[in-house]
Amino acid sequence: MDGERKKQNIYLVGLMGAGKTTIGKMLAKRLAYVFIDSDHEIEARTGVSLPTIFEIEGEEGFRKREAQVIAEMAAREGHVVATGGGAVLRAENRANLRSSGLVIYLNVPLFALYERTRLDKNRPLLQVKDPLQRLKELHAERDPLYREIADIVVSGSRIAVQTLLPLIAQKT
């Protein structure tokens, strides 16, 4: 590679509302990486919103699209990628994330996630009678998977880029 160091990808994982997109944009800017939000990428490719994809194709159809985007990102370098909260559900996604970059799990308390997402109609999995209970169920299912692939776990409701930069430097 002509003496140039490969710029590995950085993947942000965590439940919806954890701040993956917000933190990811700031992190990409600080590192001079390209930022990609996998959910926004899917919407751009299909021309429709996530709720519409879920309505037409179901969660399985959405997960197939998500896996394609993650596989494509894994083949690139120098990206900060905010993954969808459920990206870790597929073994192929977990393998792609682990093998192609640094994985950071943004572990935010459930009540903070609830406060951030409770009025957001663009969260198909939370359009239920008891969204807080649904978040608890999603956390129980996904937290072990996030931890399985995470190189760094950052916990708290206020995660700052300044906190992440030294942790990333230690791991790269």
C-alpha atoms as a PDB file:
ATOM      1  CA  MET A   1       0.000   0.000   0.000  1.00  0.00           C
ATOM      2  CA  ASP A   2       2.924   2.349  -0.650  1.00  0.00           C
ATOM      3  CA  GLY A   3       3.517   3.024   3.040  1.00  0.00           C
ATOM      4  CA  GLU A   4      -0.004   4.328   3.593  1.00  0.00           C
ATOM      5  CA  ARG A   5      -1.833   2.960   6.580  1.00  0.00           C
ATOM      6  CA  LYS A   6      -5.219   1.462   5.860  1.00  0.00           C
ATOM      7  CA  LYS A   7      -8.044   3.534   7.325  1.00  0.00           C
ATOM      8  CA  GLN A   8     -10.198   0.868   8.896  1.00  0.00           C
ATOM      9  CA  ASN A   9     -13.892   1.497   9.185  1.00  0.00           C
ATOM     10  CA  ILE A  10     -15.510   2.424  12.464  1.00  0.00           C
ATOM     11  CA  TYR A  11     -18.948   0.960  13.109  1.00  0.00           C
ATOM     12  CA  LEU A  12     -21.359   2.291  15.703  1.00  0.00           C
ATOM     13  CA  VAL A  13     -23.857  -0.213  17.068  1.00  0.00           C
ATOM     14  CA  GLY A  14     -26.593   0.092  19.665  1.00  0.00           C
ATOM     15  CA  LEU A  15     -30.326   0.393  20.058  1.00  0.00           C
ATOM     16  CA  MET A  16     -32.355   2.993  18.221  1.00  0.00           C
ATOM     17  CA  GLY A  17     -31.918   6.401  19.775  1.00  0.00           C
ATOM     18  CA  ALA A  18     -28.443   5.643  21.153  1.00  0.00           C
ATOM     19  CA  GLY A  19     -26.918   8.476  19.125  1.00  0.00           C
ATOM     20  CA  LYS A  20     -25.190   6.448  16.428  1.00  0.00           C
ATOM     21  CA  THR A  21     -25.982   8.959  13.674  1.00  0.00           C
ATOM     22  CA  THR A  22     -25.255  12.061  15.750  1.00  0.00           C
ATOM     23  CA  ILE A  23     -21.974  10.701  17.151  1.00  0.00           C
ATOM     24  CA  GLY A  24     -21.071   9.139  13.806  1.00  0.00           C
ATOM     25  CA  LYS A  25     -21.301  12.419  11.889  1.00  0.00           C
ATOM     26  CA  MET A  26     -19.107  14.217  14.420  1.00  0.00           C
ATOM     27  CA  LEU A  27     -16.633  11.350  14.596  1.00  0.00           C
ATOM     28  CA  ALA A  28     -16.310  11.168  10.807  1.00  0.00           C
ATOM     29  CA  LYS A  29     -15.669  14.898  10.637  1.00  0.00           C
ATOM     30  CA  ARG A  30     -12.977  14.745  13.340  1.00  0.00           C
ATOM     31  CA  LEU A  31     -11.242  11.776  11.680  1.00  0.00           C
ATOM     32  CA  ALA A  32     -11.723  12.987   8.078  1.00  0.00           C
ATOM     33  CA  TYR A  33     -13.659   9.802   7.274  1.00  0.00           C
ATOM     34  CA  VAL A  34     -16.811   9.416   5.188  1.00  0.00           C
ATOM     35  CA  PHE A  35     -20.022   9.067   7.209  1.00  0.00           C
ATOM     36  CA  ILE A  36     -22.734   6.562   6.245  1.00  0.00           C
ATOM     37  CA  ASP A  37     -25.976   5.854   8.091  1.00  0.00           C
ATOM     38  CA  SER A  38     -27.072   2.414   6.909  1.00  0.00           C
ATOM     39  CA  ASP A  39     -30.781   3.187   7.443  1.00  0.00           C
ATOM     40  CA  HIS A  40     -30.532   6.423   5.439  1.00  0.00           C
ATOM     41  CA  GLU A  41     -28.593   4.575   2.737  1.00  0.00           C
ATOM     42  CA  ILE A  42     -31.420   2.032   2.434  1.00  0.00           C
ATOM     43  CA  GLU A  43     -33.992   4.820   2.210  1.00  0.00           C
ATOM     44  CA  ALA A  44     -31.943   6.581  -0.480  1.00  0.00           C
ATOM     45  CA  ARG A  45     -31.602   3.387  -2.524  1.00  0.00           C
ATOM     46  CA  THR A  46     -35.282   2.467  -2.319  1.00  0.00           C
ATOM     47  CA  GLY A  47     -36.719   5.961  -2.457  1.00  0.00           C
ATOM     48  CA  VAL A  48     -39.079   5.210   0.437  1.00  0.00           C
ATOM     49  CA  SER A  49     -39.051   5.493   4.234  1.00  0.00           C
ATOM     50  CA  LEU A  50     -38.175   2.663   6.606  1.00  0.00           C
ATOM     51  CA  PRO A  51     -41.797   2.330   7.780  1.00  0.00           C
ATOM     52  CA  THR A  52     -42.835   1.862   4.138  1.00  0.00           C
ATOM     53  CA  ILE A  53     -40.190  -0.832   3.612  1.00  0.00           C
ATOM     54  CA  PHE A  54     -41.364  -2.604   6.773  1.00  0.00           C
ATOM     55  CA  GLU A  55     -44.982  -2.315   5.628  1.00  0.00           C
ATOM     56  CA  ILE A  56     -44.324  -3.711   2.149  1.00  0.00           C
ATOM     57  CA  GLU A  57     -41.457  -6.171   2.709  1.00  0.00           C
ATOM     58  CA  GLY A  58     -41.669  -6.845   6.438  1.00  0.00           C
ATOM     59  CA  GLU A  59     -38.728  -6.873   8.777  1.00  0.00           C
ATOM     60  CA  GLU A  60     -37.086  -9.748   6.875  1.00  0.00           C
ATOM     61  CA  GLY A  61     -37.080  -7.768   3.626  1.00  0.00           C
ATOM     62  CA  PHE A  62     -35.553  -4.809   5.401  1.00  0.00           C
ATOM     63  CA  ARG A  63     -32.885  -7.013   7.040  1.00  0.00           C
ATOM     64  CA  LYS A  64     -31.859  -8.376   3.615  1.00  0.00           C
ATOM     65  CA  ARG A  65     -31.351  -4.832   2.339  1.00  0.00           C
ATOM     66  CA  GLU A  66     -29.444  -3.946   5.490  1.00  0.00           C
ATOM     67  CA  ALA A  67     -27.124  -6.951   5.074  1.00  0.00           C
ATOM     68  CA  GLN A  68     -26.328  -5.865   1.510  1.00  0.00           C
ATOM     69  CA  VAL A  69     -25.385  -2.350   2.648  1.00  0.00           C
ATOM     70  CA  ILE A  70     -23.210  -3.676   5.483  1.00  0.00           C
ATOM     71  CA  ALA A  71     -21.424  -6.104   3.145  1.00  0.00           C
ATOM     72  CA  GLU A  72     -20.684  -3.216   0.775  1.00  0.00           C
ATOM     73  CA  MET A  73     -19.393  -1.049   3.631  1.00  0.00           C
ATOM     74  CA  ALA A  74     -17.156  -3.892   4.814  1.00  0.00           C
ATOM     75  CA  ALA A  75     -15.427  -3.836   1.433  1.00  0.00           C
ATOM     76  CA  ARG A  76     -14.529  -0.156   1.826  1.00  0.00           C
ATOM     77  CA  GLU A  77     -12.228   1.695   4.162  1.00  0.00           C
ATOM     78  CA  GLY A  78     -12.184   5.064   5.884  1.00  0.00           C
ATOM     79  CA  HIS A  79     -15.875   5.157   6.790  1.00  0.00           C
ATOM     80  CA  VAL A  80     -17.754   5.760  10.002  1.00  0.00           C
ATOM     81  CA  VAL A  81     -20.940   3.709   9.717  1.00  0.00           C
ATOM     82  CA  ALA A  82     -23.996   4.143  11.929  1.00  0.00           C
ATOM     83  CA  THR A  83     -25.681   0.765  11.692  1.00  0.00           C
ATOM     84  CA  GLY A  84     -29.343   0.083  12.249  1.00  0.00           C
ATOM     85  CA  GLY A  85     -30.149  -1.118  15.758  1.00  0.00           C
ATOM     86  CA  GLY A  86     -30.984  -4.611  14.522  1.00  0.00           C
ATOM     87  CA  ALA A  87     -28.004  -5.057  12.211  1.00  0.00           C
ATOM     88  CA  VAL A  88     -26.423  -7.429  14.732  1.00  0.00           C
ATOM     89  CA  LEU A  89     -29.279  -9.915  14.427  1.00  0.00           C
ATOM     90  CA  ARG A  90     -27.739 -11.533  11.341  1.00  0.00           C
ATOM     91  CA  ALA A  91     -24.569 -13.552  11.825  1.00  0.00           C
ATOM     92  CA  GLU A  92     -23.260 -12.405   8.432  1.00  0.00           C
ATOM     93  CA  ASN A  93     -23.517  -8.769   9.554  1.00  0.00           C
ATOM     94  CA  ARG A  94     -21.707  -9.463  12.809  1.00  0.00           C
ATOM     95  CA  ALA A  95     -18.937 -11.208  10.874  1.00  0.00           C
ATOM     96  CA  ASN A  96     -18.631  -8.352   8.368  1.00  0.00           C
ATOM     97  CA  LEU A  97     -18.531  -5.711  11.095  1.00  0.00           C
ATOM     98  CA  ARG A  98     -15.919  -7.545  13.164  1.00  0.00           C
ATOM     99  CA  SER A  99     -13.669  -8.374  10.225  1.00  0.00           C
ATOM    100  CA  SER A 100     -13.579  -4.960   8.585  1.00  0.00           C
ATOM    101  CA  GLY A 101     -13.230  -2.410  11.325  1.00  0.00           C
ATOM    102  CA  LEU A 102     -13.522  -1.211  14.868  1.00  0.00           C
ATOM    103  CA  VAL A 103     -16.950  -1.738  16.474  1.00  0.00           C
ATOM    104  CA  ILE A 104     -18.177   0.685  19.136  1.00  0.00           C
ATOM    105  CA  TYR A 105     -21.276  -0.165  21.154  1.00  0.00           C
ATOM    106  CA  LEU A 106     -23.147   2.914  22.383  1.00  0.00           C
ATOM    107  CA  ASN A 107     -24.898   1.490  25.436  1.00  0.00           C
ATOM    108  CA  VAL A 108     -27.498   4.060  26.503  1.00  0.00           C
ATOM    109  CA  PRO A 109     -29.916   3.536  29.428  1.00  0.00           C
ATOM    110  CA  LEU A 110     -33.362   2.346  28.337  1.00  0.00           C
ATOM    111  CA  PHE A 111     -35.298   5.273  29.759  1.00  0.00           C
ATOM    112  CA  ALA A 112     -33.060   7.728  27.861  1.00  0.00           C
ATOM    113  CA  LEU A 113     -33.711   5.737  24.658  1.00  0.00           C
ATOM    114  CA  TYR A 114     -37.428   5.820  25.355  1.00  0.00           C
ATOM    115  CA  GLU A 115     -37.383   9.589  25.866  1.00  0.00           C
ATOM    116  CA  ARG A 116     -35.489  10.093  22.606  1.00  0.00           C
ATOM    117  CA  THR A 117     -37.657   7.785  20.488  1.00  0.00           C
ATOM    118  CA  ARG A 118     -41.166   7.791  21.988  1.00  0.00           C
ATOM    119  CA  LEU A 119     -42.599  10.372  19.587  1.00  0.00           C
ATOM    120  CA  ASP A 120     -40.646   9.277  16.496  1.00  0.00           C
ATOM    121  CA  LYS A 121     -43.003   7.702  13.942  1.00  0.00           C
ATOM    122  CA  ASN A 122     -40.033   6.638  11.800  1.00  0.00           C
ATOM    123  CA  ARG A 123     -39.231   3.753  14.197  1.00  0.00           C
ATOM    124  CA  PRO A 124     -41.390   0.857  12.930  1.00  0.00           C
ATOM    125  CA  LEU A 125     -40.494  -1.506  15.781  1.00  0.00           C
ATOM    126  CA  LEU A 126     -41.712   1.008  18.363  1.00  0.00           C
ATOM    127  CA  GLN A 127     -45.157   1.567  16.882  1.00  0.00           C
ATOM    128  CA  VAL A 128     -46.697  -0.616  19.582  1.00  0.00           C
ATOM    129  CA  LYS A 129     -48.898  -0.084  22.638  1.00  0.00           C
ATOM    130  CA  ASP A 130     -45.960  -0.073  25.105  1.00  0.00           C
ATOM    131  CA  PRO A 131     -42.769   1.229  23.411  1.00  0.00           C
ATOM    132  CA  LEU A 132     -40.751   1.146  26.648  1.00  0.00           C
ATOM    133  CA  GLN A 133     -41.524  -2.554  27.091  1.00  0.00           C
ATOM    134  CA  ARG A 134     -40.562  -3.129  23.456  1.00  0.00           C
ATOM    135  CA  LEU A 135     -37.228  -1.364  24.042  1.00  0.00           C
ATOM    136  CA  LYS A 136     -36.627  -3.638  27.054  1.00  0.00           C
ATOM    137  CA  GLU A 137     -37.285  -6.694  24.876  1.00  0.00           C
ATOM    138  CA  LEU A 138     -35.012  -5.425  22.091  1.00  0.00           C
ATOM    139  CA  HIS A 139     -32.262  -4.705  24.625  1.00  0.00           C
ATOM    140  CA  ALA A 140     -32.527  -8.188  26.132  1.00  0.00           C
ATOM    141  CA  GLU A 141     -32.232  -9.732  22.669  1.00  0.00           C
ATOM    142  CA  ARG A 142     -29.530  -7.479  21.222  1.00  0.00           C
ATOM    143  CA  ASP A 143     -27.257  -6.429  24.099  1.00  0.00           C
ATOM    144  CA  PRO A 144     -25.385  -9.782  24.121  1.00  0.00           C
ATOM    145  CA  LEU A 145     -24.873  -9.495  20.347  1.00  0.00           C
ATOM    146  CA  TYR A 146     -23.588  -5.909  20.581  1.00  0.00           C
ATOM    147  CA  ARG A 147     -21.169  -6.976  23.297  1.00  0.00           C
ATOM    148  CA  GLU A 148     -20.065 -10.027  21.293  1.00  0.00           C
ATOM    149  CA  ILE A 149     -18.722  -7.885  18.458  1.00  0.00           C
ATOM    150  CA  ALA A 150     -17.764  -4.670  20.270  1.00  0.00           C
ATOM    151  CA  ASP A 151     -14.152  -3.600  20.513  1.00  0.00           C
ATOM    152  CA  ILE A 152     -15.249  -0.701  22.706  1.00  0.00           C
ATOM    153  CA  VAL A 153     -18.354  -0.398  24.910  1.00  0.00           C
ATOM    154  CA  VAL A 154     -19.273   3.128  25.976  1.00  0.00           C
ATOM    155  CA  SER A 155     -22.095   3.461  28.494  1.00  0.00           C
ATOM    156  CA  GLY A 156     -24.145   6.487  29.474  1.00  0.00           C
ATOM    157  CA  SER A 157     -26.825   8.824  28.233  1.00  0.00           C
ATOM    158  CA  ARG A 158     -24.379  11.571  27.205  1.00  0.00           C
ATOM    159  CA  ILE A 159     -21.647  10.058  25.043  1.00  0.00           C
ATOM    160  CA  ALA A 160     -19.221  12.581  23.581  1.00  0.00           C
ATOM    161  CA  VAL A 161     -16.896  12.292  20.604  1.00  0.00           C
ATOM    162  CA  GLN A 162     -14.083  13.611  22.812  1.00  0.00           C
ATOM    163  CA  THR A 163     -14.541  10.511  24.980  1.00  0.00           C
ATOM    164  CA  LEU A 164     -14.368   8.175  21.988  1.00  0.00           C
ATOM    165  CA  LEU A 165     -11.286   9.574  20.241  1.00  0.00           C
ATOM    166  CA  PRO A 166      -8.693   8.360  22.788  1.00  0.00           C
ATOM    167  CA  LEU A 167     -10.418   4.973  23.006  1.00  0.00           C
ATOM    168  CA  ILE A 168     -10.297   4.637  19.213  1.00  0.00           C
ATOM    169  CA  ALA A 169      -6.636   5.676  19.148  1.00  0.00           C
ATOM    170  CA  GLN A 170      -5.812   2.898  21.639  1.00  0.00           C
ATOM    171  CA  LYS A 171      -7.486   0.280  19.438  1.00  0.00           C
ATOM    172  CA  THR A 172      -6.108   1.331  16.049  1.00  0.00           C
END
